[in-house]
N, C-alpha and C. Protein backbone atom coordinates (compact mmCIF):
# COMPACT_ATOMS: atom_id res chain seq x y z
N UNK A 1 99.40 14.57 97.29
CA UNK A 1 98.76 13.03 97.37
C UNK A 1 97.84 13.15 98.83
N UNK A 2 96.33 12.73 98.54
CA UNK A 2 95.47 12.54 99.58
C UNK A 2 95.46 11.80 100.54
N UNK A 3 95.19 11.86 101.84
CA UNK A 3 95.06 11.52 103.04
C UNK A 3 94.25 10.55 103.36
N UNK A 4 94.54 9.62 104.22
CA UNK A 4 93.31 8.78 104.82
C UNK A 4 93.38 9.41 106.28
N UNK A 5 92.26 9.64 106.39
CA UNK A 5 91.97 10.47 108.31
C UNK A 5 91.12 9.25 109.10
N UNK A 6 91.69 8.95 110.02
CA UNK A 6 90.93 8.13 110.79
C UNK A 6 90.72 9.47 112.43
N UNK A 7 89.45 9.25 112.96
CA UNK A 7 89.22 10.62 113.91
C UNK A 7 88.27 9.76 114.92
N UNK A 8 89.10 9.27 116.30
CA UNK A 8 88.29 8.42 117.26
C UNK A 8 87.86 9.46 118.28
N UNK A 9 86.40 9.26 118.38
CA UNK A 9 85.82 10.11 119.26
C UNK A 9 84.60 9.28 120.44
N UNK A 10 85.01 9.79 121.47
CA UNK A 10 84.23 9.48 122.87
C UNK A 10 82.78 9.40 122.29
N UNK A 11 82.37 10.67 121.90
CA UNK A 11 80.91 11.29 121.66
C UNK A 11 80.60 11.90 120.50
N UNK A 12 79.05 11.72 120.06
CA UNK A 12 78.92 12.86 118.98
C UNK A 12 78.68 14.07 119.33
N UNK A 13 79.81 15.16 118.78
CA UNK A 13 80.21 16.24 118.84
C UNK A 13 81.31 16.34 119.03
N UNK A 14 82.20 15.80 119.55
CA UNK A 14 83.75 15.87 119.80
C UNK A 14 84.78 16.14 118.62
N UNK A 15 83.89 15.83 117.38
CA UNK A 15 84.56 15.83 116.47
C UNK A 15 84.44 17.29 115.71
N UNK A 16 83.60 17.37 115.81
CA UNK A 16 83.26 19.12 115.74
C UNK A 16 83.42 20.10 116.76
N UNK A 17 83.85 20.22 117.99
CA UNK A 17 84.26 21.11 119.01
C UNK A 17 85.58 20.46 118.68
N UNK A 18 86.17 19.61 118.67
CA UNK A 18 87.35 19.86 119.10
C UNK A 18 88.57 20.35 117.95
N UNK A 19 87.46 19.91 116.32
CA UNK A 19 88.49 20.00 115.00
C UNK A 19 87.76 19.93 113.88
N UNK A 20 86.76 20.54 114.27
CA UNK A 20 86.01 20.68 113.00
C UNK A 20 86.54 21.73 112.46
N UNK A 21 87.26 22.65 112.04
CA UNK A 21 87.91 23.64 111.26
C UNK A 21 89.08 22.67 110.66
N UNK A 22 89.61 21.79 111.30
CA UNK A 22 90.87 20.88 110.49
C UNK A 22 90.20 20.01 109.62
N UNK A 23 89.25 19.56 110.09
CA UNK A 23 88.40 18.11 109.14
C UNK A 23 87.75 19.08 108.14
N UNK A 24 87.49 20.25 107.87
CA UNK A 24 86.96 21.10 106.72
C UNK A 24 88.03 21.26 105.97
N UNK A 25 89.05 21.55 106.53
CA UNK A 25 90.38 21.83 105.29
C UNK A 25 90.82 20.75 104.99
N UNK A 26 90.94 19.44 105.56
CA UNK A 26 90.91 18.24 105.22
C UNK A 26 89.85 17.94 103.70
N UNK A 27 88.62 17.87 103.97
CA UNK A 27 87.88 17.80 102.99
C UNK A 27 88.15 18.90 102.03
N UNK A 28 88.37 19.67 102.28
CA UNK A 28 88.92 20.54 101.09
C UNK A 28 89.65 20.61 100.11
N UNK A 29 90.79 19.54 100.72
CA UNK A 29 92.26 19.24 100.45
C UNK A 29 91.81 17.72 99.74
N UNK A 30 90.81 17.45 99.66
CA UNK A 30 90.37 16.01 99.26
C UNK A 30 91.22 14.97 100.09
N UNK A 31 90.73 15.06 101.19
CA UNK A 31 91.72 13.78 102.33
C UNK A 31 90.46 13.11 102.83
N UNK A 32 90.40 11.99 102.81
CA UNK A 32 89.35 10.87 102.77
C UNK A 32 89.17 10.80 104.75
N UNK A 33 87.99 10.92 105.20
CA UNK A 33 87.83 10.88 106.81
C UNK A 33 86.99 10.03 107.03
N UNK A 34 87.50 9.00 108.25
CA UNK A 34 86.59 8.24 109.07
C UNK A 34 86.22 8.62 110.38
N UNK A 35 85.17 8.66 110.53
CA UNK A 35 84.70 8.82 112.13
C UNK A 35 84.06 7.72 112.86
N UNK A 36 85.24 7.46 114.05
CA UNK A 36 84.46 6.39 114.73
C UNK A 36 83.83 6.52 116.01
N UNK A 37 82.75 6.46 116.49
CA UNK A 37 82.35 7.26 117.42
C UNK A 37 81.82 6.21 118.78
N UNK A 38 82.08 6.41 119.74
CA UNK A 38 82.18 5.08 120.62
C UNK A 38 81.35 4.96 121.69
N UNK A 39 80.71 5.91 122.57
CA UNK A 39 79.51 6.18 123.29
C UNK A 39 78.11 6.89 122.68
N UNK A 40 77.21 6.92 123.22
CA UNK A 40 76.13 7.42 122.86
C UNK A 40 76.03 8.62 122.99
N UNK A 41 76.40 9.12 123.96
CA UNK A 41 76.40 10.52 124.60
C UNK A 41 74.88 10.91 125.18
N UNK A 42 74.77 10.15 125.35
CA UNK A 42 73.06 10.45 126.13
C UNK A 42 72.43 9.67 127.37
N UNK A 43 72.69 8.43 127.44
CA UNK A 43 72.16 7.52 128.29
C UNK A 43 72.01 7.70 129.75
N UNK A 44 73.66 8.28 129.82
CA UNK A 44 74.31 8.45 131.28
C UNK A 44 73.33 9.51 131.78
N UNK A 45 72.64 10.12 130.82
CA UNK A 45 71.79 11.48 131.37
C UNK A 45 70.25 11.22 131.26
N UNK A 46 69.94 9.99 131.59
CA UNK A 46 68.35 9.19 132.25
C UNK A 46 68.12 9.54 130.63
N UNK A 47 68.73 9.85 129.59
CA UNK A 47 67.82 9.97 127.93
C UNK A 47 67.21 8.76 127.61
N UNK A 48 66.65 8.54 126.21
CA UNK A 48 65.86 7.34 125.69
C UNK A 48 66.62 6.93 124.49
N UNK A 49 66.67 5.60 124.18
CA UNK A 49 67.21 5.66 123.28
C UNK A 49 66.45 6.35 121.81
N UNK A 50 65.17 7.19 121.40
CA UNK A 50 64.76 8.04 120.92
C UNK A 50 65.77 9.28 120.68
N UNK A 51 66.55 9.26 122.09
CA UNK A 51 67.02 10.67 121.94
C UNK A 51 68.90 10.07 121.28
N UNK A 52 69.34 8.96 121.50
CA UNK A 52 70.36 8.46 121.08
C UNK A 52 70.10 8.48 119.63
N UNK A 53 69.24 8.19 119.07
CA UNK A 53 68.78 8.59 117.84
C UNK A 53 68.77 9.41 117.09
N UNK A 54 68.47 10.48 118.02
CA UNK A 54 68.37 11.78 117.12
C UNK A 54 69.65 12.32 117.29
N UNK A 55 70.82 11.86 118.48
CA UNK A 55 71.96 12.51 118.70
C UNK A 55 72.82 11.71 117.69
N UNK A 56 72.32 10.86 116.89
CA UNK A 56 73.08 10.52 115.52
C UNK A 56 72.39 10.92 114.62
N UNK A 57 71.80 11.61 114.79
CA UNK A 57 70.86 11.97 113.30
C UNK A 57 71.73 13.33 113.09
N UNK A 58 71.78 14.36 114.19
CA UNK A 58 72.55 15.81 114.42
C UNK A 58 74.05 15.48 113.72
N UNK A 59 74.70 14.23 114.52
CA UNK A 59 76.14 14.14 113.95
C UNK A 59 76.38 13.89 112.51
N UNK A 60 75.25 12.95 111.79
CA UNK A 60 75.28 12.80 110.36
C UNK A 60 75.02 14.34 109.52
N UNK A 61 74.44 15.13 110.04
CA UNK A 61 74.35 16.56 109.88
C UNK A 61 75.35 17.02 110.30
N UNK A 62 76.03 17.23 111.05
CA UNK A 62 77.39 17.60 111.28
C UNK A 62 78.79 17.00 109.98
N UNK A 63 78.41 15.84 110.09
CA UNK A 63 79.46 15.17 109.31
C UNK A 63 79.24 15.69 107.75
N UNK A 64 78.08 15.93 107.50
CA UNK A 64 78.17 16.08 106.10
C UNK A 64 78.42 17.48 105.90
N UNK A 65 78.10 18.80 107.05
CA UNK A 65 78.69 19.78 106.51
C UNK A 65 80.31 19.78 106.68
N UNK A 66 80.80 18.95 107.57
CA UNK A 66 82.67 18.62 107.24
C UNK A 66 82.86 17.79 106.26
N UNK A 67 81.96 17.60 105.43
CA UNK A 67 82.73 16.69 104.19
C UNK A 67 82.89 15.35 104.76
N UNK A 68 82.45 14.76 105.74
CA UNK A 68 82.85 13.47 106.17
C UNK A 68 81.96 12.33 106.02
N UNK A 69 82.24 11.59 104.88
CA UNK A 69 81.39 10.25 104.34
C UNK A 69 81.60 9.43 104.98
N UNK A 70 82.37 8.81 105.52
CA UNK A 70 82.34 7.79 106.51
C UNK A 70 82.34 7.89 108.01
N UNK A 71 81.24 7.22 108.45
CA UNK A 71 81.26 6.94 110.09
C UNK A 71 81.00 5.95 110.64
N UNK A 72 81.03 5.57 111.77
CA UNK A 72 80.80 4.31 112.54
C UNK A 72 80.40 4.43 113.74
N UNK A 73 79.13 4.23 114.47
CA UNK A 73 78.68 4.09 115.82
C UNK A 73 79.02 3.29 116.41
N UNK A 74 79.81 3.10 117.44
CA UNK A 74 79.48 1.90 118.38
C UNK A 74 78.71 1.53 119.35
N UNK A 75 78.09 2.61 119.68
CA UNK A 75 76.83 2.63 120.43
C UNK A 75 76.88 1.85 121.94
N UNK A 76 78.45 2.32 122.55
CA UNK A 76 78.89 1.86 123.70
C UNK A 76 77.88 2.95 124.78
N UNK A 77 77.38 2.78 126.15
CA UNK A 77 76.71 3.45 127.14
C UNK A 77 77.82 4.95 127.57
N UNK A 78 77.36 5.94 127.35
CA UNK A 78 78.02 7.02 127.73
C UNK A 78 78.26 7.21 129.30
N UNK A 79 79.71 7.60 129.12
CA UNK A 79 80.15 7.52 130.84
C UNK A 79 80.68 6.27 131.14
N UNK A 80 80.80 5.37 130.27
CA UNK A 80 80.91 3.87 131.01
C UNK A 80 81.86 3.17 130.48
N UNK A 81 82.83 3.77 129.53
CA UNK A 81 83.87 3.56 128.86
C UNK A 81 84.72 2.54 129.60
N UNK A 82 84.86 3.79 130.91
CA UNK A 82 85.83 2.88 131.68
C UNK A 82 85.54 1.80 132.60
N UNK A 83 84.55 0.50 132.41
CA UNK A 83 84.20 -0.65 132.58
C UNK A 83 84.23 -1.53 131.49
N UNK A 84 84.88 -0.96 130.15
CA UNK A 84 85.05 -2.03 129.03
C UNK A 84 86.39 -2.05 129.14
N UNK A 85 86.85 -3.13 128.83
CA UNK A 85 88.19 -3.99 128.50
C UNK A 85 88.74 -3.30 127.72
N UNK A 86 90.30 -2.45 127.92
CA UNK A 86 90.92 -1.17 127.02
C UNK A 86 91.12 -2.29 125.84
N UNK A 87 91.54 -3.67 125.86
CA UNK A 87 91.67 -4.38 124.66
C UNK A 87 90.28 -4.34 123.71
N UNK A 88 89.37 -4.67 124.34
CA UNK A 88 88.36 -4.79 123.37
C UNK A 88 88.12 -3.24 122.63
N UNK A 89 87.70 -1.93 123.26
CA UNK A 89 88.17 -1.10 122.61
C UNK A 89 89.01 -0.49 121.76
N UNK A 90 90.32 -1.23 121.87
CA UNK A 90 91.51 -0.99 121.01
C UNK A 90 90.90 -1.82 119.85
N UNK A 91 90.47 -2.92 119.91
CA UNK A 91 90.29 -4.13 118.69
C UNK A 91 88.85 -3.39 117.78
N UNK A 92 88.00 -2.33 118.32
CA UNK A 92 87.36 -1.49 117.58
C UNK A 92 87.92 -0.95 116.49
N UNK A 93 88.78 -0.15 117.14
CA UNK A 93 89.74 0.62 116.28
C UNK A 93 90.51 -0.16 115.40
N UNK A 94 91.08 -1.30 115.92
CA UNK A 94 92.20 -1.76 114.83
C UNK A 94 90.91 -2.57 113.67
N UNK A 95 89.87 -3.24 114.05
CA UNK A 95 89.18 -3.44 113.26
C UNK A 95 88.89 -2.32 112.02
N UNK A 96 88.59 -1.04 112.13
CA UNK A 96 88.27 -0.18 111.05
C UNK A 96 89.86 -0.05 110.68
N UNK A 97 90.82 0.24 111.50
CA UNK A 97 92.36 0.83 110.52
C UNK A 97 92.66 -0.41 109.56
N UNK A 98 91.92 -1.73 109.92
CA UNK A 98 92.71 -2.77 108.91
C UNK A 98 91.83 -2.45 107.41
N UNK A 99 90.68 -2.16 107.61
CA UNK A 99 89.57 -1.98 106.82
C UNK A 99 89.70 -0.66 106.10
N UNK A 100 90.01 0.42 106.54
CA UNK A 100 90.21 1.67 106.42
C UNK A 100 91.93 2.37 106.04
N UNK A 101 92.77 1.86 106.40
CA UNK A 101 94.35 2.13 106.26
C UNK A 101 94.51 3.25 106.46
N UNK A 102 94.15 3.98 107.48
CA UNK A 102 94.66 5.45 107.60
C UNK A 102 95.70 5.63 107.55
N UNK A 103 96.34 6.99 107.14
CA UNK A 103 97.76 7.17 107.57
C UNK A 103 97.71 8.33 108.57
N UNK A 104 96.82 8.91 109.17
CA UNK A 104 96.84 9.69 110.25
C UNK A 104 95.93 9.50 110.94
N UNK A 105 95.97 9.60 112.34
CA UNK A 105 94.75 9.32 113.56
C UNK A 105 94.80 10.63 114.17
N UNK A 106 93.61 10.91 114.45
CA UNK A 106 93.28 12.06 115.31
C UNK A 106 92.73 11.54 116.68
N UNK A 107 92.88 11.80 118.08
CA UNK A 107 92.25 11.10 118.95
C UNK A 107 91.98 12.52 120.13
N UNK A 108 91.10 11.95 121.60
CA UNK A 108 91.53 12.98 122.31
C UNK A 108 92.63 12.89 123.33
N UNK A 109 92.85 13.97 123.92
CA UNK A 109 94.17 14.58 124.45
C UNK A 109 94.07 13.38 126.42
N UNK A 110 95.47 12.92 126.02
CA UNK A 110 95.26 11.80 127.33
C UNK A 110 95.24 12.50 128.73
N UNK A 111 95.13 13.87 128.62
CA UNK A 111 94.81 14.71 130.28
C UNK A 111 93.29 14.90 130.19
N UNK A 112 92.23 14.63 129.41
CA UNK A 112 91.00 14.99 129.35
C UNK A 112 90.63 14.89 131.14
N UNK A 113 89.73 15.59 131.48
CA UNK A 113 89.22 15.37 133.04
C UNK A 113 87.94 14.16 132.24
N UNK A 114 87.35 14.29 130.93
CA UNK A 114 86.42 13.28 130.98
C UNK A 114 86.81 11.81 130.82
N UNK A 115 86.41 10.75 131.70
CA UNK A 115 86.62 9.54 131.83
C UNK A 115 86.59 8.67 130.22
N UNK A 116 85.59 9.09 129.18
CA UNK A 116 85.66 8.23 127.82
C UNK A 116 86.38 9.06 127.22
N UNK A 117 87.21 10.35 127.04
CA UNK A 117 88.28 10.81 126.47
C UNK A 117 89.06 10.00 126.80
N UNK A 118 89.51 9.51 128.04
CA UNK A 118 90.71 8.98 128.69
C UNK A 118 91.27 7.70 127.85
N UNK A 119 89.87 7.18 127.99
CA UNK A 119 89.77 5.51 127.51
C UNK A 119 89.80 5.45 126.03
N UNK A 120 89.18 6.35 125.43
CA UNK A 120 89.48 6.24 123.68
C UNK A 120 90.83 6.15 123.49
N UNK A 121 91.45 7.69 124.21
CA UNK A 121 93.04 7.56 123.65
C UNK A 121 93.81 6.26 124.28
N UNK A 122 93.84 5.82 125.49
CA UNK A 122 94.41 4.70 125.63
C UNK A 122 93.91 3.57 124.97
N UNK A 123 93.02 3.24 124.21
CA UNK A 123 92.52 2.55 123.08
C UNK A 123 93.07 2.44 121.92
N UNK A 124 92.91 3.90 121.57
CA UNK A 124 93.70 4.51 120.19
C UNK A 124 95.30 4.36 120.42
N UNK A 125 96.11 4.61 121.32
CA UNK A 125 97.50 4.61 121.84
C UNK A 125 97.97 2.92 121.41
N UNK A 126 97.11 2.34 121.42
CA UNK A 126 97.17 0.74 121.75
C UNK A 126 97.22 0.13 120.11
N UNK A 127 96.20 0.59 119.79
CA UNK A 127 95.55 0.25 117.97
C UNK A 127 96.60 0.79 117.61
N UNK A 128 96.95 2.18 117.59
CA UNK A 128 98.06 2.69 116.68
C UNK A 128 99.50 2.57 116.87
N UNK A 129 100.09 1.40 117.65
CA UNK A 129 101.09 1.13 117.84
C UNK A 129 102.29 1.01 116.88
N UNK A 130 103.59 1.91 116.91
CA UNK A 130 104.29 1.47 116.01
C UNK A 130 104.89 0.59 115.47
N UNK A 131 104.22 -0.51 114.84
CA UNK A 131 104.89 -1.94 114.33
C UNK A 131 105.43 -1.47 112.72
N UNK A 132 106.46 -2.56 112.46
CA UNK A 132 106.78 -2.50 111.34
C UNK A 132 105.99 -2.36 110.13
N UNK A 133 104.65 -2.78 110.16
CA UNK A 133 103.55 -2.68 109.41
C UNK A 133 102.77 -1.86 109.39
N UNK A 134 102.78 -0.84 110.39
CA UNK A 134 101.79 0.09 110.49
C UNK A 134 101.61 0.78 109.31
N UNK A 135 100.98 1.59 108.86
CA UNK A 135 101.10 2.66 107.58
C UNK A 135 100.76 4.05 108.64
N UNK A 136 100.71 4.29 109.38
CA UNK A 136 100.28 5.14 110.40
C UNK A 136 101.58 5.85 110.35
N UNK A 137 101.19 7.27 109.77
CA UNK A 137 102.26 8.23 110.20
C UNK A 137 102.24 8.90 111.30
N UNK A 138 101.11 9.60 111.57
CA UNK A 138 101.04 10.47 112.34
C UNK A 138 99.66 10.38 113.47
N UNK A 139 99.78 10.45 114.55
CA UNK A 139 98.91 10.34 115.77
C UNK A 139 98.79 11.41 116.78
N UNK A 140 97.86 12.35 116.68
CA UNK A 140 97.68 13.43 117.15
C UNK A 140 96.36 13.75 117.71
N UNK A 141 96.71 14.43 118.64
CA UNK A 141 95.33 14.52 119.97
C UNK A 141 94.88 16.11 119.31
N UNK A 142 93.56 15.87 119.75
CA UNK A 142 92.86 17.15 119.38
C UNK A 142 91.89 17.79 121.13
N UNK A 143 92.00 18.70 121.26
CA UNK A 143 91.42 19.25 122.62
C UNK A 143 89.59 19.07 122.37
N UNK A 144 89.30 19.01 123.79
CA UNK A 144 87.97 19.14 123.54
C UNK A 144 87.45 20.25 124.73
N UNK A 145 86.50 21.42 124.26
CA UNK A 145 86.47 22.10 125.38
C UNK A 145 85.33 21.85 126.38
N UNK A 146 85.56 22.18 127.74
CA UNK A 146 85.01 21.98 128.71
C UNK A 146 85.61 20.18 129.12
N UNK A 147 86.22 19.94 128.85
CA UNK A 147 87.07 18.59 129.41
C UNK A 147 88.56 18.64 129.29
N UNK A 148 89.22 19.38 128.21
CA UNK A 148 90.73 19.38 128.13
C UNK A 148 90.91 20.31 129.85
N UNK A 149 90.27 21.45 129.12
CA UNK A 149 91.01 23.02 129.79
C UNK A 149 90.55 22.66 131.26
N UNK A 150 89.71 21.80 131.96
CA UNK A 150 89.10 21.41 133.22
C UNK A 150 89.95 20.33 133.54
N UNK A 151 90.96 20.10 133.17
CA UNK A 151 91.75 18.73 133.80
C UNK A 151 92.65 19.60 134.89
N UNK A 152 92.72 18.27 135.92
CA UNK A 152 92.84 19.21 137.13
C UNK A 152 94.59 18.06 137.40
N UNK A 153 94.74 17.52 136.56
CA UNK A 153 96.40 16.33 136.73
C UNK A 153 97.69 17.43 135.88
N UNK A 154 98.61 16.75 136.27
CA UNK A 154 99.99 17.58 135.41
C UNK A 154 99.63 17.67 134.53
N UNK A 155 99.08 16.76 133.54
CA UNK A 155 98.92 16.86 132.07
C UNK A 155 98.26 17.52 131.53
N UNK A 156 98.65 18.62 131.56
CA UNK A 156 98.00 20.36 131.05
C UNK A 156 98.46 20.22 129.12
N UNK A 157 97.22 20.86 128.95
CA UNK A 157 97.31 20.40 127.17
C UNK A 157 98.25 21.53 127.12
N UNK A 158 99.56 21.19 126.08
CA UNK A 158 100.46 21.87 125.32
C UNK A 158 100.82 21.89 124.12
N UNK A 159 99.89 22.31 122.94
CA UNK A 159 99.76 22.38 121.95
C UNK A 159 101.42 22.43 120.93
N UNK A 160 101.38 21.88 120.25
CA UNK A 160 102.86 21.97 119.27
C UNK A 160 102.64 21.91 118.14
N UNK A 161 101.39 21.91 117.56
CA UNK A 161 100.80 21.58 116.18
C UNK A 161 99.56 23.13 116.08
N UNK A 162 99.59 23.44 114.94
CA UNK A 162 98.30 24.92 115.22
C UNK A 162 97.59 24.64 113.62
N UNK A 163 96.23 24.87 113.49
CA UNK A 163 96.03 24.84 112.20
C UNK A 163 95.04 26.22 111.64
N UNK A 164 95.30 26.98 110.59
CA UNK A 164 94.85 28.17 110.57
C UNK A 164 93.50 27.83 110.12
N UNK A 165 92.22 28.42 111.00
CA UNK A 165 90.64 28.11 110.52
C UNK A 165 89.99 29.15 110.17
N UNK A 166 90.73 30.24 109.71
CA UNK A 166 89.96 31.49 109.48
C UNK A 166 88.90 31.48 108.56
N UNK A 167 89.32 30.45 107.03
CA UNK A 167 88.23 30.63 106.46
C UNK A 167 87.05 29.32 106.66
N UNK A 168 87.20 29.05 107.60
CA UNK A 168 86.38 28.02 108.01
C UNK A 168 85.60 28.27 109.35
N UNK A 169 85.91 29.23 110.13
CA UNK A 169 85.10 28.99 111.56
C UNK A 169 83.81 29.36 111.16
N UNK A 170 83.15 29.94 110.63
CA UNK A 170 82.16 30.14 110.15
C UNK A 170 81.07 28.71 110.31
N UNK A 171 81.95 27.99 109.33
CA UNK A 171 81.56 26.21 109.38
C UNK A 171 81.50 25.43 109.90
N UNK A 172 82.54 25.99 110.70
CA UNK A 172 83.04 24.81 112.21
C UNK A 172 81.43 25.27 113.05
N UNK A 173 81.39 26.23 112.95
CA UNK A 173 79.97 26.85 113.94
C UNK A 173 78.88 26.47 113.71
N UNK A 174 78.46 26.70 112.16
CA UNK A 174 77.43 25.42 111.88
C UNK A 174 77.12 24.35 112.09
N UNK A 175 78.49 23.57 112.02
CA UNK A 175 78.55 21.91 112.36
C UNK A 175 78.25 21.51 113.67
N UNK A 176 78.81 22.71 114.77
CA UNK A 176 78.39 22.49 116.23
C UNK A 176 77.06 22.69 116.62
N UNK A 177 76.59 23.59 115.59
CA UNK A 177 75.01 24.05 115.84
C UNK A 177 74.17 22.64 115.73
N UNK A 178 74.32 21.81 115.09
CA UNK A 178 73.89 20.58 114.51
C UNK A 178 73.23 20.39 116.48
N UNK A 179 74.40 19.86 116.83
CA UNK A 179 74.25 19.28 118.29
C UNK A 179 73.74 20.23 119.26
N UNK A 180 71.98 20.54 119.01
CA UNK A 180 71.49 21.62 119.77
C UNK A 180 71.49 21.77 121.17
N UNK A 181 71.44 20.17 121.80
CA UNK A 181 71.62 20.38 123.36
C UNK A 181 72.83 20.53 123.93
N UNK A 182 74.09 20.29 122.80
CA UNK A 182 75.27 20.56 123.90
C UNK A 182 75.59 22.15 123.46
N UNK A 183 74.82 23.01 123.03
CA UNK A 183 74.82 24.18 122.96
C UNK A 183 74.62 25.20 124.15
N UNK A 184 75.40 25.99 124.75
CA UNK A 184 75.21 26.27 126.36
C UNK A 184 75.40 27.73 126.14
N UNK A 185 74.37 28.94 126.94
CA UNK A 185 74.81 30.09 127.26
C UNK A 185 76.25 30.56 127.43
N UNK A 186 76.55 31.76 127.06
CA UNK A 186 77.78 32.20 127.18
C UNK A 186 77.93 32.88 128.94
N UNK A 187 78.74 32.31 129.60
CA UNK A 187 80.42 32.27 129.14
C UNK A 187 80.30 30.99 129.13
N UNK A 188 79.45 29.65 129.20
CA UNK A 188 80.25 28.42 129.41
C UNK A 188 80.95 28.00 128.02
N UNK A 189 82.11 27.07 128.23
CA UNK A 189 83.24 26.71 127.35
C UNK A 189 82.74 26.06 126.13
N UNK A 190 81.19 25.86 125.98
CA UNK A 190 80.80 25.24 124.56
C UNK A 190 79.83 26.41 124.54
N UNK A 191 79.30 27.10 124.65
CA UNK A 191 78.63 28.13 123.90
C UNK A 191 79.56 28.66 122.26
N UNK A 192 78.82 28.93 121.93
CA UNK A 192 79.76 29.55 120.49
C UNK A 192 80.06 30.62 120.52
N UNK A 193 80.01 31.49 121.38
CA UNK A 193 81.15 32.69 121.69
C UNK A 193 82.43 32.44 122.33
N UNK A 194 82.07 31.14 122.95
CA UNK A 194 83.32 31.09 123.99
C UNK A 194 84.08 29.75 122.74
N UNK A 195 83.44 29.34 122.05
CA UNK A 195 84.34 28.22 120.87
C UNK A 195 85.14 29.23 119.94
N UNK A 196 84.52 30.15 119.36
CA UNK A 196 85.09 31.31 118.82
C UNK A 196 86.27 31.95 119.23
N UNK A 197 85.95 32.40 120.62
CA UNK A 197 86.70 33.18 121.07
C UNK A 197 88.01 32.48 121.71
N UNK A 198 87.65 31.12 121.59
CA UNK A 198 88.98 29.74 122.16
C UNK A 198 90.12 29.37 120.66
N UNK A 199 89.40 29.99 119.61
CA UNK A 199 89.95 29.52 118.14
C UNK A 199 90.91 31.36 118.17
N UNK A 200 90.16 32.35 118.74
CA UNK A 200 90.81 33.29 118.63
C UNK A 200 91.81 33.05 119.69
N UNK A 201 91.39 33.07 120.64
CA UNK A 201 93.14 32.48 121.52
C UNK A 201 94.29 32.25 121.21
N UNK A 202 93.93 30.62 120.52
CA UNK A 202 94.80 30.03 120.04
C UNK A 202 95.47 30.27 118.87
N UNK A 203 94.47 31.32 117.70
CA UNK A 203 95.34 31.92 116.82
C UNK A 203 96.46 32.82 117.41
N UNK A 204 96.05 33.72 118.30
CA UNK A 204 96.79 34.69 119.16
C UNK A 204 98.07 34.11 119.41
N UNK A 205 98.01 33.04 119.49
CA UNK A 205 99.41 32.56 119.60
C UNK A 205 100.59 32.07 118.91
N UNK A 206 100.15 32.06 117.63
CA UNK A 206 100.77 32.05 116.53
C UNK A 206 100.56 32.61 115.42
N UNK A 207 100.09 34.13 115.73
CA UNK A 207 99.88 34.91 114.92
C UNK A 207 98.49 34.87 113.55
N UNK A 208 98.14 34.17 114.13
CA UNK A 208 96.53 34.31 113.12
C UNK A 208 95.58 34.36 113.86
N UNK A 209 94.11 34.80 112.87
CA UNK A 209 93.12 34.94 113.54
C UNK A 209 92.23 34.19 114.36
N UNK A 210 92.06 33.06 113.59
CA UNK A 210 91.66 31.53 114.40
C UNK A 210 92.22 30.31 113.98
N UNK A 211 92.46 29.94 115.12
CA UNK A 211 93.39 28.26 115.14
C UNK A 211 92.96 27.47 115.69
N UNK A 212 93.01 26.26 115.26
CA UNK A 212 92.95 24.95 116.25
C UNK A 212 94.04 24.52 116.66
N UNK A 213 94.33 24.06 117.89
CA UNK A 213 95.31 23.45 118.76
C UNK A 213 95.22 21.94 118.94
N UNK A 214 96.76 21.18 118.69
CA UNK A 214 96.61 20.32 118.70
C UNK A 214 98.30 19.58 119.51
N UNK A 215 98.00 18.77 119.97
CA UNK A 215 99.34 17.98 120.30
C UNK A 215 99.59 16.54 119.57
N UNK A 216 100.69 16.25 119.12
CA UNK A 216 101.59 15.84 118.85
C UNK A 216 102.13 14.24 119.43
N UNK A 217 101.68 12.95 119.11
CA UNK A 217 102.02 12.44 120.08
C UNK A 217 103.27 11.65 119.10
N UNK A 218 103.19 11.45 118.07
CA UNK A 218 104.17 10.54 116.66
C UNK A 218 103.79 11.47 115.48
N UNK A 219 104.81 11.47 114.86
CA UNK A 219 104.87 11.83 113.76
C UNK A 219 105.86 11.48 112.86
N UNK A 220 105.81 10.54 111.22
CA UNK A 220 106.94 9.99 111.12
C UNK A 220 106.65 10.69 109.23
N UNK A 221 108.21 11.77 109.28
CA UNK A 221 108.13 11.86 107.88
C UNK A 221 109.01 11.40 107.15
């Protein structure tokens, strides 16, 4: 039976960087995907509204490659989610949950270095709390290159779920390449070489050629 997926992202590009291969596989399985993006990903760098719009256009191009047909941009200012009430952000998610009725929710890892990522995780955890009426069966965290592995706290990323993405690795890289300003030269963790090598690394952990890694918060069978 097809699943209904909700992905909560801090910025446009997190979905492709963190779990582009897995989203492609969900699309192949005819699962329905909704991506909710919180911050613009631009204004903290002194960019203009024109660049914000361009970033959203790039995101929609990436979504098209990944087979994502539903999305919404909340347009909070980049790197300022920490000054917004967590309850307000949770209510943004609850609104989508009530409309979309997902059974699976993916979000950022709670130990990420990026403060926007942490805030989105906290809000998602509140919005998906396991009440008796909740239809959400899976709450899963994805990693984000140049944030998850740069974590300096005790909350190191410890994946317990892996997805075989060998069949879609090239298409994942194509989706990431839509975000032209986010691609850095090697050996930066957001270079295409590093992203592919990271997929190789996670694959080697579980006997696969390429894999994406996740941390399951809750799974109901």
